[in-house]
C-alpha cells in the first residue's frame, strides 16, 4: 500500500512539473519573430518567408497546414500547403507538404528550447537536391489552440 501511495505522488509530481512531450508535434509552430525569413525550397521562384505550421498528430500519423508569411508579424500570407504523409518517429517529425507552386519535404526534431519546445531541422525540394533550408520553429500553442480556420485555409 505504501508503494502505491509513493507511486501516486511521483506520477502527480511528474504531471505538475510542466514537462512537455517530445513525441507529440500537435499544435501551432512558427518562425521566431527575431529570425530572418528562410528561402522556401520547392517554390518557383523561391520565396523568402517566415513559416507557420498547424498540425495534428493521430497516433504516429500527422497532418496539417504549412503557411508562408512575408512579414514579421504573420499578417501577410503568401501561400499555404497541406502537410501530408507526416510521421512521428520518436521525437522526429518527417513530412511532405504540397500545394500550388511546389512541394517540400522535411525532417524536424522536437527539442526543449530556452522558452519551450522548438522544432529544428531541414526542409528541401525533393525534385532539386540543391534546394534546402535550415528551419527553426517555436511552439506557440498546443493542439487545443488550433482553430478551425487554421485547417480550412483554402490551400491549393
Foldseek 3Di string as FASTA:
>chain_A
DVVVVVVVVVVVCVVPVPDDALQFPAAKKWAQLVDFFKQDAFAVVTDTFIWMWHWGDDPFFIKFKIWTAHDSVPDHTDAMWIWGPWGGDRNWIWIKTDFPGGIKIWIWGWDQDPVGIKIWGKIHGPVDRVGMITDIIDGPTGNVPDDPCRHVVPTD
